[in-house]
Amino acid sequence: MTLIKSISGIRGTIGGKVNDNLTPVDTVKFAAAYGTWLKDYCKKDNPKVVIGRDARISGEMIQSLVVNTLIGLGIDVVDLGLSTTPTVEIAVPMEHADGGIILTASHNPKQWNALKLLNEKGEFIDGAEGAKVLDIAANEAFDFADVDDLGSVTVNDQYIDIHIDEVLKLSLVDENVIKENKLKVVVDGVNSTGGIAIPKLLRRLGVEVIELYCEPNGHFPHNPEPLKEHLQDICELVVREKADFGIVVDPDVDRLAFISDNGEMFGEEYTLVACADYVLSKTPGNTVSNLSSSRALRDISNQHGGSYEASAVGEVNVVTLMKKNNAVIGGEGNGGIIYPESHYGRDSLVGTALFLMLLAEKKQKVSEIRASYPPYFMSKNKIQLTPELDVDGILASIAAKYKDQDISTIDGVKIDFPENWVHLRKSNTEPIIRIYTEASTQEKADDLAQKIMGEIADVAGL
């Protein structure tokens, strides 16, 4: 299964057969479905859509297909070219557009690409509207424009700079304070658009930048998911350059990870914890992350007198709960920072600026800041899905076994034990079951993961 159709968009591998992979035919079909949905949603015959892409190899081809399909529907397109997911998200309302499409498969390897679908706020469309797009695609219910009513294209390649301007306008970001620190930072842009955006932002803030894999050519030098096992090069370079810390982003720049001054991972889960620590110290309030995120955010929120709640996994779910709870900051434990004063989307540029302000205020080494936070350790595992696996039945069996514990079933099965937790769920972006655990030591987190995975294997007969 390499074509994944979900309410948030369509994701697949390039090449292969129609309906099995993200072929040109599938790309056109889903772009047409989105455009058809949008015309009905905003009640306009010629809406405006913002398009941007990451630097992956298939990006230009997919972008051309999407743009020209929308033109064929009578839709006007603002083409940002090479961009980032959060840049497209802020561009939609700034352009007074009716929607947006980001062409990126996020952390997936280079053979993948995707269409991520936005509404007029620059936020991901919700489940009900996403289902309508999928239904239109399934029925191929398209009605293309006559020749005199075709859409137009406007190219605007300035939006990364505009995005940076918007970050520097935030009330909790003071570029002069950051410049006084005279920091040196290594940046791993995984040869995508983070290699453009993050160094530009840092240089605007007076930071000395050491670039690693910042050429936006789409040839990812390592697995693009910013996890410890993929980041040996930057960990070594931070130490060798005597840098203050390192920054790693995924190909579309909505996930942010830091490397401490000692070459150790700050921990993706702690990106949000650190940014929340700074924001809550200035603007006390509530926080939200998803069920698969660390308890450390809850602890930091409580320390600052705020309350914490967990949503189902998925940015749209986090955003919905953040709005309901008036959260001052939130996001996902995979390094996704959502700061409502900017916009309701995961944004590594915003996260970087907030983290730099935290450093300026605390005047500590990054490793010292990390050591000051509650010590939790996670184990992230996955089981590859096969057609014969009854995932829902497996999850129900595990939930029944632990029915006496604190259990949430709003998204898979989350079992909160007094000293640790496990979250089992079917991925929205890959054909896998994710098994996340957290405990007070890495050994305990790994042991819990292995125990649960063994129980899954027994239930599934693996």
Protein backbone atom coordinates (compact mmCIF):
# COMPACT_ATOMS: atom_id res chain seq x y z
CA MET A 1 0.00 0.00 0.00
CA THR A 2 1.92 3.02 -1.27
CA LEU A 3 -1.00 5.37 -2.04
CA ILE A 4 -2.58 6.63 1.17
CA LYS A 5 -5.79 8.62 0.87
CA SER A 6 -6.72 10.42 4.05
CA ILE A 7 -8.85 13.36 5.11
CA SER A 8 -5.73 15.55 5.22
CA GLY A 9 -4.61 14.77 1.69
CA ILE A 10 -3.08 12.12 -0.53
CA ARG A 11 0.38 10.65 -0.12
CA GLY A 12 2.20 8.06 -2.17
CA THR A 13 5.33 6.89 -3.93
CA ILE A 14 6.21 8.23 -7.35
CA GLY A 15 5.84 5.91 -10.35
CA GLY A 16 4.03 2.60 -10.65
CA LYS A 17 0.39 1.94 -11.34
CA VAL A 18 -2.62 4.25 -11.12
CA ASN A 19 -4.50 3.91 -7.80
CA ASP A 20 -1.52 2.08 -6.29
CA ASN A 21 1.04 4.89 -6.33
CA LEU A 22 1.13 8.67 -6.66
CA THR A 23 1.13 8.70 -10.46
CA PRO A 24 0.45 11.78 -12.62
CA VAL A 25 -3.11 10.47 -13.10
CA ASP A 26 -3.69 10.22 -9.34
CA THR A 27 -2.15 13.66 -8.84
CA VAL A 28 -4.49 15.25 -11.36
CA LYS A 29 -7.51 13.41 -9.96
CA PHE A 30 -6.96 14.58 -6.39
CA ALA A 31 -6.01 18.12 -7.40
CA ALA A 32 -9.25 18.23 -9.40
CA ALA A 33 -11.19 16.85 -6.43
CA TYR A 34 -9.78 19.52 -4.13
CA GLY A 35 -10.45 22.29 -6.64
CA THR A 36 -14.01 21.05 -7.20
CA TRP A 37 -14.61 20.87 -3.45
CA LEU A 38 -13.14 24.35 -2.94
CA LYS A 39 -15.41 26.00 -5.51
CA ASP A 40 -18.42 24.63 -3.66
CA TYR A 41 -16.95 25.32 -0.21
CA CYS A 42 -16.24 29.01 -0.85
CA LYS A 43 -19.13 29.49 -3.32
CA LYS A 44 -16.90 31.01 -6.00
CA ASP A 45 -16.38 30.04 -9.63
CA ASN A 46 -12.77 31.26 -9.64
CA PRO A 47 -11.26 30.89 -6.16
CA LYS A 48 -7.61 31.56 -5.42
CA VAL A 49 -5.23 28.83 -4.18
CA VAL A 50 -1.66 29.18 -2.87
CA ILE A 51 0.75 26.40 -3.90
CA GLY A 52 4.21 25.72 -2.49
CA ARG A 53 6.52 22.70 -2.45
CA ASP A 54 9.50 21.25 -0.67
CA ALA A 55 12.65 20.41 -2.64
CA ARG A 56 12.07 16.72 -3.28
CA ILE A 57 13.00 15.45 -6.74
CA SER A 58 9.43 14.93 -7.92
CA GLY A 59 8.32 18.36 -6.72
CA GLU A 60 8.44 20.26 -10.01
CA MET A 61 6.52 17.53 -11.83
CA ILE A 62 3.83 17.26 -9.15
CA GLN A 63 3.56 21.04 -8.90
CA SER A 64 3.09 21.42 -12.66
CA LEU A 65 0.33 18.81 -12.65
CA VAL A 66 -1.46 20.38 -9.69
CA VAL A 67 -1.18 23.98 -10.90
CA ASN A 68 -2.41 23.21 -14.40
CA THR A 69 -5.28 21.07 -13.10
CA LEU A 70 -6.45 23.97 -10.94
CA ILE A 71 -6.13 26.36 -13.89
CA GLY A 72 -8.29 23.95 -15.87
CA LEU A 73 -10.97 24.29 -13.22
CA GLY A 74 -10.94 28.07 -13.50
CA ILE A 75 -8.94 28.56 -10.29
CA ASP A 76 -6.30 31.27 -9.90
CA VAL A 77 -3.00 30.07 -8.46
CA VAL A 78 -0.36 31.89 -6.43
CA ASP A 79 2.81 29.88 -7.01
CA LEU A 80 5.36 30.19 -4.19
CA GLY A 81 7.77 27.69 -5.77
CA LEU A 82 10.21 26.27 -3.23
CA SER A 83 8.63 26.91 0.14
CA THR A 84 7.86 25.37 3.51
CA THR A 85 4.63 24.04 4.96
CA PRO A 86 4.30 26.90 7.49
CA THR A 87 5.18 29.46 4.81
CA VAL A 88 2.29 28.29 2.64
CA GLU A 89 0.04 28.33 5.71
CA ILE A 90 0.77 31.99 6.47
CA ALA A 91 0.61 32.95 2.78
CA VAL A 92 -3.00 31.78 2.34
CA PRO A 93 -4.61 34.46 4.56
CA MET A 94 -2.03 37.07 3.58
CA GLU A 95 -2.96 36.54 -0.08
CA HIS A 96 -6.69 36.54 0.79
CA ALA A 97 -6.76 33.14 -0.87
CA ASP A 98 -9.53 30.57 -0.52
CA GLY A 99 -7.24 27.60 0.10
CA GLY A 100 -3.78 26.15 -0.30
CA ILE A 101 -1.93 22.99 -1.25
CA ILE A 102 1.48 22.04 0.08
CA LEU A 103 3.34 19.54 -2.07
CA THR A 104 5.42 17.55 0.38
CA ALA A 105 5.58 14.11 1.92
CA SER A 106 7.00 15.67 5.07
CA HIS A 107 9.42 13.21 6.76
CA ASN A 108 8.93 10.40 4.20
CA PRO A 109 11.91 9.36 2.02
CA LYS A 110 12.57 10.88 -1.41
CA GLN A 111 10.38 8.45 -3.41
CA TRP A 112 7.29 9.84 -1.66
CA ASN A 113 5.30 12.98 -2.34
CA ALA A 114 1.91 14.28 -1.22
CA LEU A 115 -0.78 16.93 -1.53
CA LYS A 116 -1.58 18.49 1.87
CA LEU A 117 -4.81 20.48 1.73
CA LEU A 118 -5.57 23.81 3.42
CA ASN A 119 -8.67 25.95 3.92
CA GLU A 120 -8.99 29.73 3.68
CA LYS A 121 -7.34 30.17 7.11
CA GLY A 122 -4.21 28.33 5.99
CA GLU A 123 -5.15 25.45 8.28
CA PHE A 124 -5.62 21.80 7.35
CA ILE A 125 -9.15 21.01 6.23
CA ASP A 126 -11.15 19.10 8.82
CA GLY A 127 -12.36 15.52 8.64
CA ALA A 128 -15.80 16.28 7.26
CA GLU A 129 -14.48 18.45 4.42
CA GLY A 130 -11.63 16.02 3.73
CA ALA A 131 -14.16 13.22 3.34
CA LYS A 132 -15.97 15.29 0.72
CA VAL A 133 -12.74 15.69 -1.26
CA LEU A 134 -12.17 11.91 -1.18
CA ASP A 135 -15.76 11.31 -2.31
CA ILE A 136 -15.41 13.71 -5.24
CA ALA A 137 -12.17 11.96 -6.25
CA ALA A 138 -13.74 8.50 -6.00
CA ASN A 139 -16.63 9.56 -8.24
CA GLU A 140 -14.47 11.72 -10.53
CA ALA A 141 -17.18 14.37 -10.25
CA PHE A 142 -15.24 17.14 -11.99
CA ASP A 143 -16.53 19.95 -14.19
CA PHE A 144 -13.68 21.81 -15.88
CA ALA A 145 -13.82 25.43 -17.05
CA ASP A 146 -14.43 26.64 -20.60
CA VAL A 147 -11.48 28.11 -22.48
CA ASP A 148 -12.47 31.70 -21.66
CA ASP A 149 -12.73 30.90 -17.94
CA LEU A 150 -9.38 29.23 -17.27
CA GLY A 151 -7.49 30.29 -14.17
CA SER A 152 -4.25 32.25 -14.05
CA VAL A 153 -0.90 31.89 -12.28
CA THR A 154 0.94 34.53 -10.27
CA VAL A 155 4.48 33.69 -9.17
CA ASN A 156 5.67 35.05 -5.80
CA ASP A 157 9.00 33.67 -4.59
CA GLN A 158 9.37 36.18 -1.73
CA TYR A 159 7.29 34.40 0.87
CA ILE A 160 10.09 32.79 2.85
CA ASP A 161 11.41 36.32 3.47
CA ILE A 162 7.89 37.53 4.30
CA HIS A 163 7.51 34.58 6.69
CA ILE A 164 10.73 35.56 8.46
CA ASP A 165 9.48 39.16 8.74
CA GLU A 166 6.30 37.85 10.39
CA VAL A 167 8.27 35.75 12.88
CA LEU A 168 10.35 38.77 13.88
CA LYS A 169 7.16 40.79 14.50
CA LEU A 170 5.97 38.38 17.21
CA SER A 171 5.60 40.04 20.61
CA LEU A 172 7.81 37.48 22.37
CA VAL A 173 10.64 37.68 19.81
CA ASP A 174 13.24 40.44 20.20
CA GLU A 175 15.90 40.24 17.53
CA ASN A 176 18.22 42.65 19.37
CA VAL A 177 18.23 40.43 22.47
CA ILE A 178 19.12 37.40 20.33
CA LYS A 179 21.84 39.29 18.42
CA GLU A 180 23.54 40.18 21.72
CA ASN A 181 24.18 36.49 22.38
CA LYS A 182 26.44 36.07 19.31
CA LEU A 183 25.52 32.42 18.88
CA LYS A 184 26.98 29.85 16.50
CA VAL A 185 24.54 27.22 15.18
CA VAL A 186 24.87 24.24 12.83
CA VAL A 187 21.86 23.67 10.52
CA ASP A 188 20.96 20.37 8.83
CA GLY A 189 18.37 21.22 6.17
CA VAL A 190 18.28 17.65 4.73
CA ASN A 191 18.84 19.23 1.28
CA SER A 192 15.33 20.65 1.21
CA THR A 193 13.74 24.04 1.81
CA GLY A 194 14.76 24.20 5.46
CA GLY A 195 18.23 24.77 4.05
CA ILE A 196 16.91 28.04 2.65
CA ALA A 197 14.58 29.21 5.42
CA ILE A 198 16.40 28.38 8.67
CA PRO A 199 19.83 29.86 7.75
CA LYS A 200 18.08 33.02 6.46
CA LEU A 201 16.19 33.41 9.72
CA LEU A 202 19.29 32.82 11.84
CA ARG A 203 21.39 35.32 9.90
CA ARG A 204 18.66 37.94 10.30
CA LEU A 205 19.05 37.31 14.05
CA GLY A 206 22.82 37.77 14.01
CA VAL A 207 23.58 34.07 14.42
CA GLU A 208 26.70 32.57 12.83
CA VAL A 209 25.49 29.65 10.69
CA ILE A 210 27.37 26.48 9.77
CA GLU A 211 25.40 24.84 6.94
CA LEU A 212 25.15 21.07 6.62
CA TYR A 213 23.03 19.58 3.81
CA CYS A 214 21.40 22.92 3.03
CA GLU A 215 21.41 22.60 -0.79
CA PRO A 216 17.72 22.29 -1.80
CA ASN A 217 18.21 19.60 -4.45
CA GLY A 218 15.92 16.90 -2.97
CA HIS A 219 18.70 14.34 -2.59
CA PHE A 220 18.24 13.62 1.10
CA PRO A 221 21.65 12.69 2.59
CA HIS A 222 20.04 10.58 5.32
CA ASN A 223 16.59 9.39 6.29
CA PRO A 224 14.71 12.71 6.50
CA GLU A 225 12.87 11.94 9.73
CA PRO A 226 14.83 13.93 12.39
CA LEU A 227 15.52 11.04 14.77
CA LYS A 228 18.75 10.30 16.64
CA GLU A 229 19.75 7.34 14.47
CA HIS A 230 19.79 9.56 11.36
CA LEU A 231 21.72 12.52 12.74
CA GLN A 232 25.26 11.39 13.52
CA ASP A 233 26.81 13.92 11.09
CA ILE A 234 25.34 17.02 12.72
CA CYS A 235 25.96 15.69 16.24
CA GLU A 236 29.66 15.36 15.41
CA LEU A 237 29.81 18.72 13.60
CA VAL A 238 28.28 20.64 16.53
CA VAL A 239 31.09 19.40 18.78
CA ARG A 240 33.82 19.89 16.16
CA GLU A 241 32.72 23.48 15.43
CA LYS A 242 32.23 24.23 19.15
CA ALA A 243 28.75 25.43 18.19
CA ASP A 244 26.18 26.51 20.75
CA PHE A 245 23.73 23.97 19.34
CA GLY A 246 22.40 22.40 16.16
CA ILE A 247 19.06 22.66 14.35
CA VAL A 248 17.52 19.87 12.28
CA VAL A 249 14.29 20.14 10.29
CA ASP A 250 12.39 17.74 8.09
CA PRO A 251 11.95 18.41 4.33
CA ASP A 252 8.90 20.69 4.71
CA VAL A 253 10.13 22.44 7.88
CA ASP A 254 7.24 21.73 10.25
CA ARG A 255 9.28 19.46 12.54
CA LEU A 256 12.12 20.89 14.59
CA ALA A 257 14.83 19.08 16.54
CA PHE A 258 17.82 20.48 18.41
CA ILE A 259 21.31 19.09 19.06
CA SER A 260 22.80 20.21 22.38
CA ASP A 261 26.26 21.79 22.62
CA ASN A 262 27.70 18.43 23.74
CA GLY A 263 26.55 16.70 20.55
CA GLU A 264 23.67 14.91 22.24
CA MET A 265 20.07 15.03 21.07
CA PHE A 266 18.02 17.64 22.94
CA GLY A 267 15.11 15.33 22.19
CA GLU A 268 12.36 16.00 19.66
CA GLU A 269 9.78 15.76 22.43
CA TYR A 270 11.54 18.53 24.32
CA THR A 271 11.42 21.07 21.47
CA LEU A 272 7.82 21.85 22.43
CA VAL A 273 8.62 21.65 26.15
CA ALA A 274 11.38 24.27 25.82
CA CYS A 275 9.36 26.64 23.63
CA ALA A 276 6.38 26.27 25.97
CA ASP A 277 8.62 26.99 28.97
CA TYR A 278 9.55 30.35 27.43
CA VAL A 279 6.03 31.26 26.24
CA LEU A 280 4.35 30.27 29.51
CA SER A 281 6.86 32.31 31.52
CA LYS A 282 5.63 35.42 29.65
CA THR A 283 1.99 34.55 28.91
CA PRO A 284 0.64 31.98 31.39
CA GLY A 285 -2.11 29.77 29.99
CA ASN A 286 -3.08 26.36 28.73
CA THR A 287 -1.25 23.92 26.48
CA VAL A 288 -2.20 21.04 24.19
CA SER A 289 -0.27 18.23 22.54
CA ASN A 290 -1.33 14.85 21.20
CA LEU A 291 -1.68 11.51 22.98
CA SER A 292 1.70 10.33 21.67
CA SER A 293 3.58 13.28 23.18
CA SER A 294 5.66 13.45 26.36
CA ARG A 295 4.26 14.01 29.84
CA ALA A 296 6.96 16.65 30.22
CA LEU A 297 4.70 19.30 28.62
CA ARG A 298 2.05 18.57 31.25
CA ASP A 299 4.66 19.00 33.99
CA ILE A 300 5.97 22.31 32.59
CA SER A 301 2.41 23.60 32.12
CA ASN A 302 1.59 22.78 35.72
CA GLN A 303 4.75 24.50 36.92
CA HIS A 304 3.60 27.70 35.21
CA GLY A 305 0.08 27.40 36.61
CA GLY A 306 -1.54 26.30 33.36
CA SER A 307 -3.54 23.23 32.45
CA TYR A 308 -2.68 20.60 29.84
CA GLU A 309 -4.88 18.39 27.65
CA ALA A 310 -4.08 15.76 25.01
CA SER A 311 -5.81 15.42 21.65
CA ALA A 312 -5.93 12.66 19.07
CA VAL A 313 -2.84 12.52 16.85
CA GLY A 314 -2.94 14.82 13.84
CA GLU A 315 -2.38 18.53 13.52
CA VAL A 316 -6.04 19.31 12.84
CA ASN A 317 -6.99 17.56 16.11
CA VAL A 318 -4.38 19.45 18.11
CA VAL A 319 -5.51 22.76 16.61
CA THR A 320 -9.18 22.03 17.35
CA LEU A 321 -8.44 21.35 21.03
CA MET A 322 -6.09 24.35 21.25
CA LYS A 323 -8.88 26.64 20.06
CA LYS A 324 -11.37 25.05 22.46
CA ASN A 325 -8.99 25.48 25.42
CA ASN A 326 -7.57 28.87 24.35
CA ALA A 327 -4.09 27.32 24.51
CA VAL A 328 -1.23 29.83 24.31
CA ILE A 329 1.07 27.22 22.74
CA GLY A 330 0.77 23.62 21.66
CA GLY A 331 1.88 21.15 19.08
CA GLU A 332 3.11 17.63 18.66
CA GLY A 333 5.92 15.77 20.36
CA ASN A 334 7.61 15.15 17.01
CA GLY A 335 9.04 18.67 17.15
CA GLY A 336 5.97 20.49 15.85
CA ILE A 337 5.43 23.93 17.45
CA ILE A 338 2.03 25.60 17.08
CA TYR A 339 1.99 29.17 18.35
CA PRO A 340 -1.41 30.81 17.81
CA GLU A 341 -0.09 34.38 17.88
CA SER A 342 1.57 33.49 14.57
CA HIS A 343 -0.82 30.91 13.07
CA TYR A 344 -2.41 27.55 13.80
CA GLY A 345 0.20 25.37 12.11
CA ARG A 346 3.42 23.61 13.06
CA ASP A 347 6.22 26.06 12.34
CA SER A 348 9.95 25.43 12.76
CA LEU A 349 10.81 29.08 12.09
CA VAL A 350 8.60 30.22 14.97
CA GLY A 351 9.98 27.41 17.16
CA THR A 352 13.56 28.41 16.37
CA ALA A 353 12.93 32.04 17.29
CA LEU A 354 11.20 31.13 20.57
CA PHE A 355 14.05 28.76 21.49
CA LEU A 356 16.63 31.48 20.79
CA MET A 357 14.71 33.78 23.13
CA LEU A 358 14.72 31.07 25.81
CA LEU A 359 18.51 30.76 25.44
CA ALA A 360 18.97 34.51 25.66
CA GLU A 361 16.90 34.69 28.81
CA LYS A 362 18.29 31.68 30.67
CA LYS A 363 21.93 32.33 29.71
CA GLN A 364 22.69 28.62 30.04
CA LYS A 365 24.15 26.06 27.70
CA VAL A 366 21.59 24.09 25.74
CA SER A 367 22.67 20.91 27.53
CA GLU A 368 22.05 22.61 30.88
CA ILE A 369 18.58 23.71 29.85
CA ARG A 370 17.77 20.17 28.73
CA ALA A 371 18.96 18.78 32.06
CA SER A 372 16.60 21.14 33.91
CA TYR A 373 13.46 19.52 32.44
CA PRO A 374 11.63 16.47 33.82
CA PRO A 375 13.50 13.33 32.67
CA TYR A 376 11.33 11.17 30.43
CA PHE A 377 12.45 8.71 27.80
CA MET A 378 10.46 7.43 24.83
CA SER A 379 10.61 4.35 22.69
CA LYS A 380 9.06 4.69 19.23
CA ASN A 381 8.42 1.45 17.38
CA LYS A 382 6.25 0.26 14.52
CA ILE A 383 4.80 -2.93 13.10
CA GLN A 384 4.39 -3.18 9.32
CA LEU A 385 0.80 -3.79 8.30
CA THR A 386 -0.18 -6.71 6.08
CA PRO A 387 -3.66 -7.22 4.55
CA GLU A 388 -4.48 -10.12 6.88
CA LEU A 389 -3.88 -8.15 10.10
CA ASP A 390 -7.09 -7.16 11.93
CA VAL A 391 -5.73 -3.95 13.46
CA ASP A 392 -8.97 -2.92 15.16
CA GLY A 393 -9.35 -6.37 16.69
CA ILE A 394 -5.77 -6.33 17.95
CA LEU A 395 -6.22 -2.92 19.60
CA ALA A 396 -9.52 -3.99 21.16
CA SER A 397 -7.86 -7.08 22.66
CA ILE A 398 -5.05 -5.01 24.20
CA ALA A 399 -7.57 -2.49 25.59
CA ALA A 400 -9.59 -5.32 27.14
CA LYS A 401 -6.51 -6.80 28.76
CA TYR A 402 -5.71 -3.49 30.49
CA LYS A 403 -9.28 -2.36 31.16
CA ASP A 404 -8.46 -1.63 34.82
CA GLN A 405 -5.90 1.03 33.83
CA ASP A 406 -6.50 4.64 32.70
CA ILE A 407 -7.35 4.09 29.02
CA SER A 408 -8.17 6.50 26.17
CA THR A 409 -9.61 5.18 22.90
CA ILE A 410 -10.12 8.49 21.08
CA ASP A 411 -7.18 7.57 18.83
CA GLY A 412 -6.14 3.94 18.92
CA VAL A 413 -5.44 2.81 22.49
CA LYS A 414 -3.52 4.89 25.05
CA ILE A 415 -2.84 3.14 28.38
CA ASP A 416 -1.66 5.46 31.16
CA PHE A 417 0.08 3.51 33.90
CA PRO A 418 1.14 5.41 37.06
CA GLU A 419 4.83 5.49 36.06
CA ASN A 420 4.69 5.16 32.28
CA TRP A 421 2.37 4.91 29.27
CA VAL A 422 1.93 3.19 25.91
CA HIS A 423 0.04 4.45 22.86
CA LEU A 424 -0.92 2.10 20.02
CA ARG A 425 -2.43 3.47 16.84
CA LYS A 426 -2.65 2.98 13.11
CA SER A 427 -0.56 5.60 11.28
CA ASN A 428 -2.30 8.19 9.09
CA THR A 429 0.73 8.50 6.82
CA GLU A 430 2.28 5.03 6.54
CA PRO A 431 0.98 1.42 6.43
CA ILE A 432 2.09 0.67 10.00
CA ILE A 433 0.93 0.39 13.60
CA ARG A 434 2.86 2.83 15.80
CA ILE A 435 3.81 1.75 19.32
CA TYR A 436 5.01 4.65 21.48
CA THR A 437 6.02 4.24 25.12
CA GLU A 438 7.39 6.63 27.72
CA ALA A 439 9.02 5.97 31.09
CA SER A 440 11.55 7.38 33.54
CA THR A 441 14.48 5.60 31.84
CA GLN A 442 15.17 4.46 28.30
CA GLU A 443 15.47 0.86 29.46
CA LYS A 444 12.01 0.95 31.05
CA ALA A 445 10.49 2.56 27.94
CA ASP A 446 12.12 -0.06 25.69
CA ASP A 447 11.08 -2.91 27.99
CA LEU A 448 7.44 -1.72 28.01
CA ALA A 449 7.49 -1.45 24.22
CA GLN A 450 8.87 -4.97 23.82
CA LYS A 451 6.30 -6.33 26.27
CA ILE A 452 3.37 -4.75 24.40
CA MET A 453 4.76 -5.73 20.99
CA GLY A 454 5.02 -9.31 22.24
CA GLU A 455 1.39 -9.18 23.34
CA ILE A 456 0.38 -7.83 19.93
CA ALA A 457 2.27 -10.65 18.25
CA ASP A 458 0.47 -13.21 20.43
CA VAL A 459 -2.96 -11.71 19.65
CA ALA A 460 -2.19 -11.48 15.91
CA GLY A 461 -0.56 -14.88 15.72
CA LEU A 462 2.67 -13.42 14.38
